[in-house]
Amino acid sequence: LFFSRQNRYPTDLKSKMMAKYKNIKEISWSAISKYLSNTKSVNIFILGVLSNYFSFRVKDWQKAMKEKLPPKLVDLNLAAFSVGRNKFSGRAKIREFNV
């Protein structure tokens, strides 16, 4: 499913996800936006958060970004990844918010 600004998430999405999966955490937009200078890198920020749950080495994530991203976007996205990874490194640091 694709949700644009015009199409909002279903109101019951959170409850459906919480019922199906036990370890769901949410990060508020305000928590994300206070760490990013450019909101176009939100996906990489979230990837940084998620990277804490995978066994890949940080340098492997960085290498993949350097290889796949356009050169002019590499530094911005590496910074967003690092902030997401470091600011939300533990499960306890991921704050829940109301959708």
N, C-alpha and C. Protein backbone atom coordinates (compact mmCIF):
# COMPACT_ATOMS: atom_id res chain seq x y z
N LEU A 1 0.82 -1.18 0.00
CA LEU A 1 0.00 0.00 0.00
C LEU A 1 0.86 1.24 0.00
N PHE A 2 0.39 2.26 -0.68
CA PHE A 2 1.09 3.54 -0.72
C PHE A 2 0.24 4.59 -0.04
N PHE A 3 0.82 5.29 0.88
CA PHE A 3 0.10 6.34 1.59
C PHE A 3 0.80 7.67 1.34
N SER A 4 0.10 8.58 0.73
CA SER A 4 0.63 9.92 0.51
C SER A 4 0.09 10.83 1.60
N ARG A 5 0.41 12.10 1.50
CA ARG A 5 -0.11 13.06 2.48
C ARG A 5 -1.64 13.14 2.40
N GLN A 6 -2.18 12.89 1.22
CA GLN A 6 -3.62 12.94 1.07
C GLN A 6 -4.29 11.69 1.63
N ASN A 7 -3.63 10.57 1.54
CA ASN A 7 -4.17 9.30 2.02
C ASN A 7 -3.54 8.97 3.36
N ARG A 8 -4.29 9.07 4.40
CA ARG A 8 -3.79 8.81 5.75
C ARG A 8 -3.80 7.31 6.03
N TYR A 9 -2.99 6.92 6.98
CA TYR A 9 -3.00 5.53 7.41
C TYR A 9 -4.36 5.21 8.02
N PRO A 10 -4.82 3.99 7.85
CA PRO A 10 -6.09 3.62 8.49
C PRO A 10 -6.02 3.83 9.99
N THR A 11 -7.11 4.24 10.59
CA THR A 11 -7.10 4.54 12.02
C THR A 11 -6.83 3.31 12.87
N ASP A 12 -7.14 2.14 12.37
CA ASP A 12 -6.94 0.92 13.15
C ASP A 12 -5.62 0.22 12.83
N LEU A 13 -4.75 0.84 12.04
CA LEU A 13 -3.49 0.22 11.64
C LEU A 13 -2.62 -0.13 12.85
N LYS A 14 -2.49 0.81 13.77
CA LYS A 14 -1.65 0.57 14.95
C LYS A 14 -2.16 -0.62 15.75
N SER A 15 -3.45 -0.69 16.00
CA SER A 15 -3.99 -1.80 16.79
C SER A 15 -3.83 -3.13 16.06
N LYS A 16 -3.99 -3.12 14.75
CA LYS A 16 -3.79 -4.36 13.98
C LYS A 16 -2.33 -4.81 14.05
N MET A 17 -1.41 -3.87 13.92
CA MET A 17 0.01 -4.22 14.00
C MET A 17 0.38 -4.71 15.40
N MET A 18 -0.13 -4.03 16.41
CA MET A 18 0.17 -4.41 17.79
C MET A 18 -0.40 -5.79 18.11
N ALA A 19 -1.54 -6.13 17.53
CA ALA A 19 -2.15 -7.44 17.77
C ALA A 19 -1.37 -8.55 17.09
N LYS A 20 -0.80 -8.25 15.94
CA LYS A 20 -0.10 -9.28 15.17
C LYS A 20 1.36 -9.44 15.60
N TYR A 21 2.01 -8.34 15.94
CA TYR A 21 3.43 -8.36 16.28
C TYR A 21 3.62 -7.82 17.69
N LYS A 22 4.46 -8.48 18.46
CA LYS A 22 4.63 -8.10 19.86
C LYS A 22 5.69 -7.03 20.10
N ASN A 23 6.68 -6.96 19.25
CA ASN A 23 7.79 -6.04 19.49
C ASN A 23 7.76 -4.84 18.55
N ILE A 24 6.67 -4.15 18.51
CA ILE A 24 6.55 -2.97 17.67
C ILE A 24 6.85 -1.73 18.50
N LYS A 25 7.69 -0.89 17.96
CA LYS A 25 8.00 0.38 18.59
C LYS A 25 7.76 1.46 17.55
N GLU A 26 7.43 2.64 18.03
CA GLU A 26 7.19 3.77 17.15
C GLU A 26 8.10 4.91 17.52
N ILE A 27 8.43 5.71 16.53
CA ILE A 27 9.24 6.90 16.75
C ILE A 27 8.45 8.08 16.20
N SER A 28 8.25 9.08 17.00
CA SER A 28 7.44 10.22 16.57
C SER A 28 8.18 11.05 15.52
N TRP A 29 7.38 11.73 14.71
CA TRP A 29 7.97 12.62 13.71
C TRP A 29 8.78 13.72 14.41
N SER A 30 8.31 14.20 15.54
CA SER A 30 9.05 15.26 16.24
C SER A 30 10.40 14.73 16.73
N ALA A 31 10.46 13.48 17.14
CA ALA A 31 11.75 12.89 17.56
C ALA A 31 12.70 12.78 16.39
N ILE A 32 12.17 12.42 15.23
CA ILE A 32 13.02 12.31 14.04
C ILE A 32 13.47 13.69 13.57
N SER A 33 12.53 14.60 13.44
CA SER A 33 12.83 15.90 12.83
C SER A 33 13.80 16.74 13.66
N LYS A 34 13.87 16.50 14.96
CA LYS A 34 14.82 17.30 15.74
C LYS A 34 16.26 16.88 15.50
N TYR A 35 16.47 15.71 14.90
CA TYR A 35 17.83 15.24 14.62
C TYR A 35 18.25 15.41 13.17
N LEU A 36 17.31 15.69 12.27
CA LEU A 36 17.63 15.77 10.85
C LEU A 36 17.57 17.20 10.35
N SER A 37 18.58 17.60 9.58
CA SER A 37 18.55 18.91 8.96
C SER A 37 17.80 18.86 7.64
N ASN A 38 17.70 17.67 7.05
CA ASN A 38 17.01 17.50 5.78
C ASN A 38 16.09 16.29 5.91
N THR A 39 14.80 16.53 5.84
CA THR A 39 13.84 15.45 6.06
C THR A 39 13.78 14.46 4.89
N LYS A 40 14.49 14.75 3.81
CA LYS A 40 14.52 13.80 2.69
C LYS A 40 15.30 12.53 3.06
N SER A 41 16.04 12.57 4.15
CA SER A 41 16.84 11.42 4.55
C SER A 41 16.18 10.62 5.68
N VAL A 42 14.87 10.78 5.86
CA VAL A 42 14.15 10.06 6.92
C VAL A 42 14.29 8.55 6.75
N ASN A 43 14.20 8.05 5.53
CA ASN A 43 14.29 6.60 5.32
C ASN A 43 15.64 6.06 5.78
N ILE A 44 16.69 6.80 5.52
CA ILE A 44 18.03 6.35 5.94
C ILE A 44 18.16 6.48 7.46
N PHE A 45 17.56 7.50 8.04
CA PHE A 45 17.52 7.63 9.50
C PHE A 45 16.86 6.38 10.11
N ILE A 46 15.71 6.00 9.58
CA ILE A 46 15.00 4.81 10.07
C ILE A 46 15.84 3.55 9.84
N LEU A 47 16.53 3.49 8.71
CA LEU A 47 17.43 2.37 8.46
C LEU A 47 18.51 2.32 9.54
N GLY A 48 19.00 3.47 9.95
CA GLY A 48 19.99 3.52 11.04
C GLY A 48 19.42 2.95 12.33
N VAL A 49 18.18 3.33 12.64
CA VAL A 49 17.52 2.78 13.84
C VAL A 49 17.41 1.26 13.71
N LEU A 50 16.92 0.80 12.58
CA LEU A 50 16.73 -0.64 12.38
C LEU A 50 18.05 -1.41 12.36
N SER A 51 19.12 -0.75 11.96
CA SER A 51 20.42 -1.44 11.88
C SER A 51 20.87 -1.98 13.24
N ASN A 52 20.34 -1.41 14.31
CA ASN A 52 20.67 -1.90 15.65
C ASN A 52 20.14 -3.31 15.90
N TYR A 53 19.21 -3.75 15.08
CA TYR A 53 18.58 -5.05 15.28
C TYR A 53 19.12 -6.12 14.33
N PHE A 54 20.12 -5.75 13.52
CA PHE A 54 20.73 -6.69 12.59
C PHE A 54 22.20 -6.85 12.92
N SER A 55 22.77 -7.96 12.54
CA SER A 55 24.16 -8.24 12.90
C SER A 55 25.17 -7.71 11.88
N PHE A 56 24.74 -6.94 10.89
CA PHE A 56 25.68 -6.38 9.92
C PHE A 56 26.56 -5.33 10.59
N ARG A 57 27.79 -5.26 10.16
CA ARG A 57 28.71 -4.26 10.70
C ARG A 57 28.36 -2.88 10.15
N VAL A 58 28.61 -1.86 10.94
CA VAL A 58 28.32 -0.49 10.51
C VAL A 58 29.05 -0.17 9.21
N LYS A 59 30.29 -0.59 9.11
CA LYS A 59 31.04 -0.26 7.90
C LYS A 59 30.44 -0.92 6.66
N ASP A 60 29.73 -2.04 6.83
CA ASP A 60 29.06 -2.67 5.68
C ASP A 60 27.84 -1.86 5.25
N TRP A 61 27.09 -1.33 6.23
CA TRP A 61 25.97 -0.44 5.91
C TRP A 61 26.50 0.79 5.16
N GLN A 62 27.57 1.36 5.68
CA GLN A 62 28.15 2.55 5.08
C GLN A 62 28.66 2.28 3.67
N LYS A 63 29.30 1.15 3.49
CA LYS A 63 29.81 0.79 2.17
C LYS A 63 28.67 0.66 1.17
N ALA A 64 27.59 0.03 1.57
CA ALA A 64 26.43 -0.13 0.68
C ALA A 64 25.85 1.23 0.29
N MET A 65 25.75 2.13 1.25
CA MET A 65 25.22 3.46 0.94
C MET A 65 26.14 4.21 -0.01
N LYS A 66 27.44 4.11 0.21
CA LYS A 66 28.40 4.78 -0.68
C LYS A 66 28.33 4.23 -2.09
N GLU A 67 28.07 2.94 -2.21
CA GLU A 67 27.99 2.31 -3.54
C GLU A 67 26.66 2.59 -4.24
N LYS A 68 25.58 2.72 -3.51
CA LYS A 68 24.25 2.81 -4.10
C LYS A 68 23.69 4.21 -4.23
N LEU A 69 24.10 5.11 -3.36
CA LEU A 69 23.56 6.47 -3.38
C LEU A 69 24.33 7.36 -4.34
N PRO A 70 23.64 8.36 -4.92
CA PRO A 70 24.37 9.34 -5.72
C PRO A 70 25.41 10.04 -4.86
N PRO A 71 26.59 10.31 -5.40
CA PRO A 71 27.67 10.90 -4.60
C PRO A 71 27.27 12.15 -3.83
N LYS A 72 26.42 13.00 -4.40
CA LYS A 72 26.05 14.24 -3.71
C LYS A 72 25.17 14.00 -2.48
N LEU A 73 24.61 12.79 -2.35
CA LEU A 73 23.73 12.47 -1.22
C LEU A 73 24.38 11.60 -0.16
N VAL A 74 25.59 11.16 -0.41
CA VAL A 74 26.24 10.21 0.49
C VAL A 74 26.46 10.79 1.88
N ASP A 75 27.08 11.96 1.98
CA ASP A 75 27.39 12.53 3.29
C ASP A 75 26.13 12.79 4.12
N LEU A 76 25.12 13.36 3.50
CA LEU A 76 23.86 13.64 4.18
C LEU A 76 23.25 12.35 4.73
N ASN A 77 23.23 11.32 3.92
CA ASN A 77 22.61 10.06 4.33
C ASN A 77 23.46 9.28 5.32
N LEU A 78 24.76 9.35 5.21
CA LEU A 78 25.61 8.72 6.22
C LEU A 78 25.39 9.37 7.58
N ALA A 79 25.24 10.68 7.58
CA ALA A 79 24.98 11.39 8.85
C ALA A 79 23.61 10.99 9.41
N ALA A 80 22.59 10.91 8.55
CA ALA A 80 21.25 10.52 9.00
C ALA A 80 21.26 9.10 9.55
N PHE A 81 21.95 8.20 8.89
CA PHE A 81 22.07 6.82 9.35
C PHE A 81 22.72 6.78 10.73
N SER A 82 23.81 7.51 10.87
CA SER A 82 24.55 7.52 12.13
C SER A 82 23.70 8.07 13.28
N VAL A 83 22.98 9.13 13.02
CA VAL A 83 22.12 9.71 14.06
C VAL A 83 21.02 8.71 14.44
N GLY A 84 20.37 8.11 13.46
CA GLY A 84 19.33 7.13 13.76
C GLY A 84 19.87 5.96 14.55
N ARG A 85 21.03 5.50 14.16
CA ARG A 85 21.64 4.35 14.84
C ARG A 85 22.05 4.70 16.27
N ASN A 86 22.65 5.86 16.46
CA ASN A 86 23.19 6.22 17.77
C ASN A 86 22.15 6.79 18.73
N LYS A 87 21.24 7.58 18.26
CA LYS A 87 20.25 8.19 19.14
C LYS A 87 19.19 7.20 19.59
N PHE A 88 18.99 6.16 18.81
CA PHE A 88 17.97 5.16 19.13
C PHE A 88 18.59 3.76 19.15
N SER A 89 19.74 3.67 19.82
CA SER A 89 20.52 2.42 19.78
C SER A 89 19.95 1.31 20.63
N GLY A 90 19.20 1.62 21.67
CA GLY A 90 18.64 0.58 22.51
C GLY A 90 17.14 0.54 22.41
N ARG A 91 16.58 -0.60 22.63
CA ARG A 91 15.12 -0.73 22.56
C ARG A 91 14.43 0.23 23.51
N ALA A 92 15.05 0.47 24.66
CA ALA A 92 14.44 1.36 25.64
C ALA A 92 14.43 2.81 25.16
N LYS A 93 15.31 3.15 24.24
CA LYS A 93 15.38 4.52 23.75
C LYS A 93 14.36 4.82 22.66
N ILE A 94 13.74 3.81 22.12
CA ILE A 94 12.72 4.03 21.10
C ILE A 94 11.42 4.35 21.81
N ARG A 95 10.97 5.56 21.65
CA ARG A 95 9.79 6.03 22.36
C ARG A 95 8.52 5.77 21.55
N GLU A 96 7.47 5.45 22.23
CA GLU A 96 6.19 5.27 21.57
C GLU A 96 5.46 6.60 21.50
N PHE A 97 4.62 6.73 20.52
CA PHE A 97 3.80 7.92 20.40
C PHE A 97 2.46 7.54 19.83
N ASN A 98 1.52 8.43 19.93
CA ASN A 98 0.20 8.16 19.38
C ASN A 98 0.15 8.50 17.91
N VAL A 99 -0.43 7.61 17.13
CA VAL A 99 -0.53 7.81 15.68
C VAL A 99 -1.59 8.85 15.41
